[in-house]
Amino acid sequence: MVDRSRLHDPETLRWVMQHPGRGEPYTVRTLAKAADCNPATIGHLLAGRQESTAKLRAERIARALGCSTRTLFMSAASTDSSDPYTESSDKE
């Protein structure tokens, strides 16, 4: 089982990217770089094609945006080994 965090709402993520707790607004690429993840992960979350991500990745995204992880994500456990977003490595 991989600890997962489910995004509350793509629009909330989009708003926080434009109004981060500190610094300049983020693009998909600048947020991905700050959160040490693949830009596709951020893009998929924003588009609703991906509803969850690894818990540690969710924490890095929230930290980069200067907000609480709970502002953007809720707990969700994935037990499906065929889940394409379940990885043994946290870096995507």
PDB file of N, CA and C in Angstrom:
ATOM      1  N   MET A   1       0.843  -1.185   0.000  1.00  0.00           N
ATOM      2  CA  MET A   1       0.000   0.000   0.000  1.00  0.00           C
ATOM      3  C   MET A   1       0.888   1.248   0.000  1.00  0.00           C
ATOM      4  N   VAL A   2       0.546   2.175  -0.839  1.00  0.00           N
ATOM      5  CA  VAL A   2       1.275   3.433  -0.943  1.00  0.00           C
ATOM      6  C   VAL A   2       0.421   4.535  -0.327  1.00  0.00           C
ATOM      7  N   ASP A   3       1.031   5.354   0.512  1.00  0.00           N
ATOM      8  CA  ASP A   3       0.298   6.487   1.073  1.00  0.00           C
ATOM      9  C   ASP A   3       0.056   7.508  -0.029  1.00  0.00           C
ATOM     10  N   ARG A   4      -1.200   7.816  -0.237  1.00  0.00           N
ATOM     11  CA  ARG A   4      -1.606   8.734  -1.293  1.00  0.00           C
ATOM     12  C   ARG A   4      -2.314   9.937  -0.686  1.00  0.00           C
ATOM     13  N   SER A   5      -2.286  11.027  -1.407  1.00  0.00           N
ATOM     14  CA  SER A   5      -3.057  12.215  -1.052  1.00  0.00           C
ATOM     15  C   SER A   5      -3.895  12.592  -2.259  1.00  0.00           C
ATOM     16  N   ARG A   6      -5.185  12.792  -2.026  1.00  0.00           N
ATOM     17  CA  ARG A   6      -6.118  13.131  -3.105  1.00  0.00           C
ATOM     18  C   ARG A   6      -6.326  14.648  -3.139  1.00  0.00           C
ATOM     19  N   LEU A   7      -6.215  15.216  -4.317  1.00  0.00           N
ATOM     20  CA  LEU A   7      -6.421  16.653  -4.504  1.00  0.00           C
ATOM     21  C   LEU A   7      -7.886  16.996  -4.242  1.00  0.00           C
ATOM     22  N   HIS A   8      -8.135  18.021  -3.428  1.00  0.00           N
ATOM     23  CA  HIS A   8      -9.513  18.445  -3.168  1.00  0.00           C
ATOM     24  C   HIS A   8     -10.176  18.890  -4.459  1.00  0.00           C
ATOM     25  N   ASP A   9      -9.506  19.777  -5.190  1.00  0.00           N
ATOM     26  CA  ASP A   9     -10.109  20.410  -6.355  1.00  0.00           C
ATOM     27  C   ASP A   9      -9.018  21.027  -7.228  1.00  0.00           C
ATOM     28  N   PRO A  10      -8.988  20.733  -8.516  1.00  0.00           N
ATOM     29  CA  PRO A  10      -7.975  21.336  -9.388  1.00  0.00           C
ATOM     30  C   PRO A  10      -8.015  22.873  -9.389  1.00  0.00           C
ATOM     31  N   GLU A  11      -9.200  23.440  -9.251  1.00  0.00           N
ATOM     32  CA  GLU A  11      -9.308  24.901  -9.269  1.00  0.00           C
ATOM     33  C   GLU A  11      -8.641  25.537  -8.047  1.00  0.00           C
ATOM     34  N   THR A  12      -8.702  24.853  -6.919  1.00  0.00           N
ATOM     35  CA  THR A  12      -8.019  25.363  -5.723  1.00  0.00           C
ATOM     36  C   THR A  12      -6.517  25.359  -5.947  1.00  0.00           C
ATOM     37  N   LEU A  13      -5.992  24.281  -6.511  1.00  0.00           N
ATOM     38  CA  LEU A  13      -4.563  24.227  -6.832  1.00  0.00           C
ATOM     39  C   LEU A  13      -4.191  25.353  -7.783  1.00  0.00           C
ATOM     40  N   ARG A  14      -4.991  25.566  -8.808  1.00  0.00           N
ATOM     41  CA  ARG A  14      -4.731  26.631  -9.784  1.00  0.00           C
ATOM     42  C   ARG A  14      -4.713  28.004  -9.090  1.00  0.00           C
ATOM     43  N   TRP A  15      -5.689  28.238  -8.200  1.00  0.00           N
ATOM     44  CA  TRP A  15      -5.764  29.532  -7.509  1.00  0.00           C
ATOM     45  C   TRP A  15      -4.530  29.737  -6.629  1.00  0.00           C
ATOM     46  N   VAL A  16      -4.153  28.705  -5.863  1.00  0.00           N
ATOM     47  CA  VAL A  16      -2.995  28.831  -4.978  1.00  0.00           C
ATOM     48  C   VAL A  16      -1.715  29.027  -5.789  1.00  0.00           C
ATOM     49  N   MET A  17      -1.623  28.404  -6.958  1.00  0.00           N
ATOM     50  CA  MET A  17      -0.451  28.629  -7.816  1.00  0.00           C
ATOM     51  C   MET A  17      -0.356  30.100  -8.229  1.00  0.00           C
ATOM     52  N   GLN A  18      -1.498  30.731  -8.463  1.00  0.00           N
ATOM     53  CA  GLN A  18      -1.510  32.141  -8.859  1.00  0.00           C
ATOM     54  C   GLN A  18      -1.367  33.088  -7.674  1.00  0.00           C
ATOM     55  N   HIS A  19      -1.646  32.587  -6.464  1.00  0.00           N
ATOM     56  CA  HIS A  19      -1.597  33.394  -5.239  1.00  0.00           C
ATOM     57  C   HIS A  19      -0.858  32.623  -4.148  1.00  0.00           C
ATOM     58  N   PRO A  20       0.421  32.292  -4.376  1.00  0.00           N
ATOM     59  CA  PRO A  20       1.149  31.486  -3.388  1.00  0.00           C
ATOM     60  C   PRO A  20       1.360  32.248  -2.083  1.00  0.00           C
ATOM     61  N   GLY A  21       1.626  31.495  -1.031  1.00  0.00           N
ATOM     62  CA  GLY A  21       1.855  32.088   0.282  1.00  0.00           C
ATOM     63  C   GLY A  21       3.098  32.959   0.329  1.00  0.00           C
ATOM     64  N   ARG A  22       3.985  32.765  -0.628  1.00  0.00           N
ATOM     65  CA  ARG A  22       5.195  33.583  -0.700  1.00  0.00           C
ATOM     66  C   ARG A  22       5.696  33.594  -2.143  1.00  0.00           C
ATOM     67  N   GLY A  23       6.305  34.681  -2.525  1.00  0.00           N
ATOM     68  CA  GLY A  23       6.930  34.756  -3.839  1.00  0.00           C
ATOM     69  C   GLY A  23       5.973  35.016  -4.983  1.00  0.00           C
ATOM     70  N   GLU A  24       6.488  34.771  -6.180  1.00  0.00           N
ATOM     71  CA  GLU A  24       5.763  35.017  -7.419  1.00  0.00           C
ATOM     72  C   GLU A  24       4.814  33.857  -7.742  1.00  0.00           C
ATOM     73  N   PRO A  25       3.797  34.116  -8.572  1.00  0.00           N
ATOM     74  CA  PRO A  25       2.921  33.034  -9.024  1.00  0.00           C
ATOM     75  C   PRO A  25       3.724  31.939  -9.733  1.00  0.00           C
ATOM     76  N   TYR A  26       3.210  30.734  -9.676  1.00  0.00           N
ATOM     77  CA  TYR A  26       3.875  29.585 -10.274  1.00  0.00           C
ATOM     78  C   TYR A  26       3.234  29.196 -11.597  1.00  0.00           C
ATOM     79  N   THR A  27       4.054  28.721 -12.511  1.00  0.00           N
ATOM     80  CA  THR A  27       3.585  28.029 -13.703  1.00  0.00           C
ATOM     81  C   THR A  27       3.688  26.536 -13.391  1.00  0.00           C
ATOM     82  N   VAL A  28       3.207  25.709 -14.288  1.00  0.00           N
ATOM     83  CA  VAL A  28       3.338  24.257 -14.108  1.00  0.00           C
ATOM     84  C   VAL A  28       4.811  23.895 -13.939  1.00  0.00           C
ATOM     85  N   ARG A  29       5.655  24.427 -14.804  1.00  0.00           N
ATOM     86  CA  ARG A  29       7.084  24.076 -14.764  1.00  0.00           C
ATOM     87  C   ARG A  29       7.790  24.612 -13.515  1.00  0.00           C
ATOM     88  N   THR A  30       7.490  25.842 -13.116  1.00  0.00           N
ATOM     89  CA  THR A  30       8.185  26.386 -11.947  1.00  0.00           C
ATOM     90  C   THR A  30       7.736  25.683 -10.662  1.00  0.00           C
ATOM     91  N   LEU A  31       6.461  25.308 -10.586  1.00  0.00           N
ATOM     92  CA  LEU A  31       6.001  24.564  -9.414  1.00  0.00           C
ATOM     93  C   LEU A  31       6.624  23.172  -9.399  1.00  0.00           C
ATOM     94  N   ALA A  32       6.662  22.519 -10.544  1.00  0.00           N
ATOM     95  CA  ALA A  32       7.270  21.185 -10.614  1.00  0.00           C
ATOM     96  C   ALA A  32       8.728  21.235 -10.173  1.00  0.00           C
ATOM     97  N   LYS A  33       9.443  22.251 -10.604  1.00  0.00           N
ATOM     98  CA  LYS A  33      10.851  22.382 -10.205  1.00  0.00           C
ATOM     99  C   LYS A  33      10.956  22.616  -8.694  1.00  0.00           C
ATOM    100  N   ALA A  34      10.125  23.494  -8.163  1.00  0.00           N
ATOM    101  CA  ALA A  34      10.168  23.802  -6.729  1.00  0.00           C
ATOM    102  C   ALA A  34       9.762  22.597  -5.881  1.00  0.00           C
ATOM    103  N   ALA A  35       8.862  21.767  -6.393  1.00  0.00           N
ATOM    104  CA  ALA A  35       8.380  20.603  -5.657  1.00  0.00           C
ATOM    105  C   ALA A  35       9.149  19.329  -6.014  1.00  0.00           C
ATOM    106  N   ASP A  36      10.130  19.452  -6.891  1.00  0.00           N
ATOM    107  CA  ASP A  36      10.957  18.309  -7.309  1.00  0.00           C
ATOM    108  C   ASP A  36      10.108  17.154  -7.841  1.00  0.00           C
ATOM    109  N   CYS A  37       9.257  17.489  -8.815  1.00  0.00           N
ATOM    110  CA  CYS A  37       8.458  16.450  -9.464  1.00  0.00           C
ATOM    111  C   CYS A  37       8.360  16.749 -10.953  1.00  0.00           C
ATOM    112  N   ASN A  38       7.789  15.842 -11.687  1.00  0.00           N
ATOM    113  CA  ASN A  38       7.649  15.981 -13.118  1.00  0.00           C
ATOM    114  C   ASN A  38       6.554  17.009 -13.428  1.00  0.00           C
ATOM    115  N   PRO A  39       6.772  17.917 -14.387  1.00  0.00           N
ATOM    116  CA  PRO A  39       5.725  18.870 -14.753  1.00  0.00           C
ATOM    117  C   PRO A  39       4.412  18.191 -15.160  1.00  0.00           C
ATOM    118  N   ALA A  40       4.499  16.996 -15.719  1.00  0.00           N
ATOM    119  CA  ALA A  40       3.277  16.274 -16.110  1.00  0.00           C
ATOM    120  C   ALA A  40       2.398  15.988 -14.903  1.00  0.00           C
ATOM    121  N   THR A  41       2.998  15.739 -13.755  1.00  0.00           N
ATOM    122  CA  THR A  41       2.222  15.498 -12.535  1.00  0.00           C
ATOM    123  C   THR A  41       1.359  16.710 -12.210  1.00  0.00           C
ATOM    124  N   ILE A  42       1.972  17.892 -12.227  1.00  0.00           N
ATOM    125  CA  ILE A  42       1.224  19.127 -11.940  1.00  0.00           C
ATOM    126  C   ILE A  42       0.160  19.342 -13.005  1.00  0.00           C
ATOM    127  N   GLY A  43       0.521  19.163 -14.258  1.00  0.00           N
ATOM    128  CA  GLY A  43      -0.436  19.334 -15.357  1.00  0.00           C
ATOM    129  C   GLY A  43      -1.619  18.389 -15.252  1.00  0.00           C
ATOM    130  N   HIS A  44      -1.351  17.129 -14.918  1.00  0.00           N
ATOM    131  CA  HIS A  44      -2.433  16.148 -14.775  1.00  0.00           C
ATOM    132  C   HIS A  44      -3.330  16.480 -13.592  1.00  0.00           C
ATOM    133  N   LEU A  45      -2.751  16.939 -12.490  1.00  0.00           N
ATOM    134  CA  LEU A  45      -3.564  17.342 -11.338  1.00  0.00           C
ATOM    135  C   LEU A  45      -4.458  18.522 -11.708  1.00  0.00           C
ATOM    136  N   LEU A  46      -3.904  19.495 -12.401  1.00  0.00           N
ATOM    137  CA  LEU A  46      -4.680  20.677 -12.797  1.00  0.00           C
ATOM    138  C   LEU A  46      -5.800  20.340 -13.777  1.00  0.00           C
ATOM    139  N   ALA A  47      -5.535  19.385 -14.662  1.00  0.00           N
ATOM    140  CA  ALA A  47      -6.525  19.012 -15.680  1.00  0.00           C
ATOM    141  C   ALA A  47      -7.558  18.010 -15.170  1.00  0.00           C
ATOM    142  N   GLY A  48      -7.326  17.478 -13.964  1.00  0.00           N
ATOM    143  CA  GLY A  48      -8.239  16.486 -13.424  1.00  0.00           C
ATOM    144  C   GLY A  48      -8.000  15.083 -13.949  1.00  0.00           C
ATOM    145  N   ARG A  49      -6.940  14.891 -14.731  1.00  0.00           N
ATOM    146  CA  ARG A  49      -6.616  13.556 -15.249  1.00  0.00           C
ATOM    147  C   ARG A  49      -5.971  12.686 -14.169  1.00  0.00           C
ATOM    148  N   GLN A  50      -5.452  13.330 -13.131  1.00  0.00           N
ATOM    149  CA  GLN A  50      -4.855  12.624 -11.998  1.00  0.00           C
ATOM    150  C   GLN A  50      -5.481  13.233 -10.752  1.00  0.00           C
ATOM    151  N   GLU A  51      -6.077  12.384  -9.922  1.00  0.00           N
ATOM    152  CA  GLU A  51      -6.770  12.875  -8.737  1.00  0.00           C
ATOM    153  C   GLU A  51      -5.925  12.799  -7.480  1.00  0.00           C
ATOM    154  N   SER A  52      -4.872  11.968  -7.511  1.00  0.00           N
ATOM    155  CA  SER A  52      -4.060  11.816  -6.308  1.00  0.00           C
ATOM    156  C   SER A  52      -2.590  11.691  -6.675  1.00  0.00           C
ATOM    157  N   THR A  53      -1.761  11.809  -5.655  1.00  0.00           N
ATOM    158  CA  THR A  53      -0.322  11.678  -5.826  1.00  0.00           C
ATOM    159  C   THR A  53       0.260  11.126  -4.531  1.00  0.00           C
ATOM    160  N   ALA A  54       1.502  10.735  -4.565  1.00  0.00           N
ATOM    161  CA  ALA A  54       2.152  10.221  -3.361  1.00  0.00           C
ATOM    162  C   ALA A  54       2.109  11.289  -2.262  1.00  0.00           C
ATOM    163  N   LYS A  55       1.926  10.832  -1.043  1.00  0.00           N
ATOM    164  CA  LYS A  55       1.804  11.760   0.089  1.00  0.00           C
ATOM    165  C   LYS A  55       3.009  12.702   0.192  1.00  0.00           C
ATOM    166  N   LEU A  56       4.204  12.169   0.028  1.00  0.00           N
ATOM    167  CA  LEU A  56       5.396  13.022   0.127  1.00  0.00           C
ATOM    168  C   LEU A  56       5.436  14.067  -0.986  1.00  0.00           C
ATOM    169  N   ARG A  57       4.972  13.696  -2.170  1.00  0.00           N
ATOM    170  CA  ARG A  57       4.938  14.642  -3.284  1.00  0.00           C
ATOM    171  C   ARG A  57       3.912  15.738  -3.005  1.00  0.00           C
ATOM    172  N   ALA A  58       2.758  15.356  -2.452  1.00  0.00           N
ATOM    173  CA  ALA A  58       1.735  16.341  -2.097  1.00  0.00           C
ATOM    174  C   ALA A  58       2.284  17.330  -1.070  1.00  0.00           C
ATOM    175  N   GLU A  59       3.040  16.811  -0.109  1.00  0.00           N
ATOM    176  CA  GLU A  59       3.646  17.685   0.898  1.00  0.00           C
ATOM    177  C   GLU A  59       4.640  18.654   0.265  1.00  0.00           C
ATOM    178  N   ARG A  60       5.422  18.186  -0.696  1.00  0.00           N
ATOM    179  CA  ARG A  60       6.386  19.069  -1.366  1.00  0.00           C
ATOM    180  C   ARG A  60       5.674  20.142  -2.199  1.00  0.00           C
ATOM    181  N   ILE A  61       4.584  19.770  -2.852  1.00  0.00           N
ATOM    182  CA  ILE A  61       3.813  20.745  -3.634  1.00  0.00           C
ATOM    183  C   ILE A  61       3.267  21.823  -2.712  1.00  0.00           C
ATOM    184  N   ALA A  62       2.644  21.418  -1.616  1.00  0.00           N
ATOM    185  CA  ALA A  62       2.081  22.387  -0.672  1.00  0.00           C
ATOM    186  C   ALA A  62       3.168  23.273  -0.069  1.00  0.00           C
ATOM    187  N   ARG A  63       4.298  22.676   0.301  1.00  0.00           N
ATOM    188  CA  ARG A  63       5.403  23.450   0.877  1.00  0.00           C
ATOM    189  C   ARG A  63       5.899  24.502  -0.122  1.00  0.00           C
ATOM    190  N   ALA A  64       6.056  24.109  -1.375  1.00  0.00           N
ATOM    191  CA  ALA A  64       6.518  25.057  -2.400  1.00  0.00           C
ATOM    192  C   ALA A  64       5.540  26.218  -2.547  1.00  0.00           C
ATOM    193  N   LEU A  65       4.248  25.926  -2.396  1.00  0.00           N
ATOM    194  CA  LEU A  65       3.220  26.955  -2.542  1.00  0.00           C
ATOM    195  C   LEU A  65       3.014  27.768  -1.268  1.00  0.00           C
ATOM    196  N   GLY A  66       3.642  27.347  -0.185  1.00  0.00           N
ATOM    197  CA  GLY A  66       3.530  28.091   1.064  1.00  0.00           C
ATOM    198  C   GLY A  66       2.199  27.898   1.766  1.00  0.00           C
ATOM    199  N   CYS A  67       1.610  26.719   1.602  1.00  0.00           N
ATOM    200  CA  CYS A  67       0.335  26.462   2.280  1.00  0.00           C
ATOM    201  C   CYS A  67       0.373  25.093   2.954  1.00  0.00           C
ATOM    202  N   SER A  68      -0.624  24.826   3.734  1.00  0.00           N
ATOM    203  CA  SER A  68      -0.758  23.537   4.400  1.00  0.00           C
ATOM    204  C   SER A  68      -1.125  22.467   3.368  1.00  0.00           C
ATOM    205  N   THR A  69      -0.626  21.272   3.570  1.00  0.00           N
ATOM    206  CA  THR A  69      -0.993  20.164   2.690  1.00  0.00           C
ATOM    207  C   THR A  69      -2.506  19.972   2.700  1.00  0.00           C
ATOM    208  N   ARG A  70      -3.131  20.155   3.848  1.00  0.00           N
ATOM    209  CA  ARG A  70      -4.586  19.980   3.974  1.00  0.00           C
ATOM    210  C   ARG A  70      -5.383  20.989   3.152  1.00  0.00           C
ATOM    211  N   THR A  71      -4.779  22.113   2.833  1.00  0.00           N
ATOM    212  CA  THR A  71      -5.452  23.104   1.990  1.00  0.00           C
ATOM    213  C   THR A  71      -5.736  22.518   0.611  1.00  0.00           C
ATOM    214  N   LEU A  72      -4.818  21.691   0.118  1.00  0.00           N
ATOM    215  CA  LEU A  72      -4.917  21.165  -1.241  1.00  0.00           C
ATOM    216  C   LEU A  72      -5.307  19.694  -1.327  1.00  0.00           C
ATOM    217  N   PHE A  73      -4.893  18.908  -0.337  1.00  0.00           N
ATOM    218  CA  PHE A  73      -5.035  17.451  -0.429  1.00  0.00           C
ATOM    219  C   PHE A  73      -5.709  16.856   0.799  1.00  0.00           C
ATOM    220  N   MET A  74      -6.316  15.683   0.591  1.00  0.00           N
ATOM    221  CA  MET A  74      -6.838  14.878   1.688  1.00  0.00           C
ATOM    222  C   MET A  74      -6.201  13.494   1.589  1.00  0.00           C
ATOM    223  N   SER A  75      -6.217  12.767   2.670  1.00  0.00           N
ATOM    224  CA  SER A  75      -5.608  11.445   2.711  1.00  0.00           C
ATOM    225  C   SER A  75      -6.375  10.474   1.828  1.00  0.00           C
ATOM    226  N   ALA A  76      -5.655   9.629   1.118  1.00  0.00           N
ATOM    227  CA  ALA A  76      -6.255   8.582   0.295  1.00  0.00           C
ATOM    228  C   ALA A  76      -5.219   7.490   0.128  1.00  0.00           C
ATOM    229  N   ALA A  77      -5.573   6.260   0.457  1.00  0.00           N
ATOM    230  CA  ALA A  77      -4.629   5.150   0.316  1.00  0.00           C
ATOM    231  C   ALA A  77      -4.942   4.383  -0.955  1.00  0.00           C
ATOM    232  N   SER A  78      -3.905   4.072  -1.721  1.00  0.00           N
ATOM    233  CA  SER A  78      -4.065   3.268  -2.917  1.00  0.00           C
ATOM    234  C   SER A  78      -3.536   1.873  -2.638  1.00  0.00           C
ATOM    235  N   THR A  79      -4.394   0.885  -2.827  1.00  0.00           N
ATOM    236  CA  THR A  79      -3.957  -0.500  -2.671  1.00  0.00           C
ATOM    237  C   THR A  79      -3.916  -1.191  -4.021  1.00  0.00           C
ATOM    238  N   ASP A  80      -4.219  -0.454  -5.070  1.00  0.00           N
ATOM    239  CA  ASP A  80      -4.268  -1.006  -6.421  1.00  0.00           C
ATOM    240  C   ASP A  80      -2.885  -0.956  -7.047  1.00  0.00           C
ATOM    241  N   SER A  81      -2.257  -2.109  -7.202  1.00  0.00           N
ATOM    242  CA  SER A  81      -0.910  -2.152  -7.779  1.00  0.00           C
ATOM    243  C   SER A  81      -0.918  -1.782  -9.256  1.00  0.00           C
ATOM    244  N   SER A  82      -2.094  -1.774  -9.892  1.00  0.00           N
ATOM    245  CA  SER A  82      -2.160  -1.385 -11.300  1.00  0.00           C
ATOM    246  C   SER A  82      -2.369   0.120 -11.465  1.00  0.00           C
ATOM    247  N   ASP A  83      -2.517   0.843 -10.348  1.00  0.00           N
ATOM    248  CA  ASP A  83      -2.657   2.299 -10.388  1.00  0.00           C
ATOM    249  C   ASP A  83      -1.440   2.883 -11.071  1.00  0.00           C
ATOM    250  N   PRO A  84      -1.601   3.570 -12.230  1.00  0.00           N
ATOM    251  CA  PRO A  84      -0.436   4.081 -12.955  1.00  0.00           C
ATOM    252  C   PRO A  84       0.315   5.174 -12.205  1.00  0.00           C
ATOM    253  N   TYR A  85      -0.290   5.729 -11.171  1.00  0.00           N
ATOM    254  CA  TYR A  85       0.361   6.792 -10.424  1.00  0.00           C
ATOM    255  C   TYR A  85       0.989   6.288  -9.126  1.00  0.00           C
ATOM    256  N   THR A  86       0.928   4.983  -8.888  1.00  0.00           N
ATOM    257  CA  THR A  86       1.590   4.382  -7.732  1.00  0.00           C
ATOM    258  C   THR A  86       2.994   4.026  -8.145  1.00  0.00           C
ATOM    259  N   GLU A  87       3.968   4.550  -7.408  1.00  0.00           N
ATOM    260  CA  GLU A  87       5.365   4.339  -7.758  1.00  0.00           C
ATOM    261  C   GLU A  87       6.131   3.865  -6.547  1.00  0.00           C
ATOM    262  N   SER A  88       7.210   3.161  -6.793  1.00  0.00           N
ATOM    263  CA  SER A  88       8.083   2.786  -5.691  1.00  0.00           C
ATOM    264  C   SER A  88       8.971   3.962  -5.317  1.00  0.00           C
ATOM    265  N   SER A  89       9.206   4.848  -6.260  1.00  0.00           N
ATOM    266  CA  SER A  89      10.016   6.048  -6.024  1.00  0.00           C
ATOM    267  C   SER A  89       9.087   7.226  -5.891  1.00  0.00           C
ATOM    268  N   ASP A  90       9.419   8.191  -5.050  1.00  0.00           N
ATOM    269  CA  ASP A  90       8.589   9.370  -4.888  1.00  0.00           C
ATOM    270  C   ASP A  90       8.794  10.365  -6.006  1.00  0.00           C
ATOM    271  N   LYS A  91       9.920  10.329  -6.683  1.00  0.00           N
ATOM    272  CA  LYS A  91      10.192  11.290  -7.755  1.00  0.00           C
ATOM    273  C   LYS A  91       9.481  10.855  -9.006  1.00  0.00           C
ATOM    274  N   GLU A  92       8.670  11.726  -9.556  1.00  0.00           N
ATOM    275  CA  GLU A  92       7.936  11.429 -10.771  1.00  0.00           C
ATOM    276  C   GLU A  92       8.373  12.334 -11.875  1.00  0.00           C
TER     277      GLU A  92
END
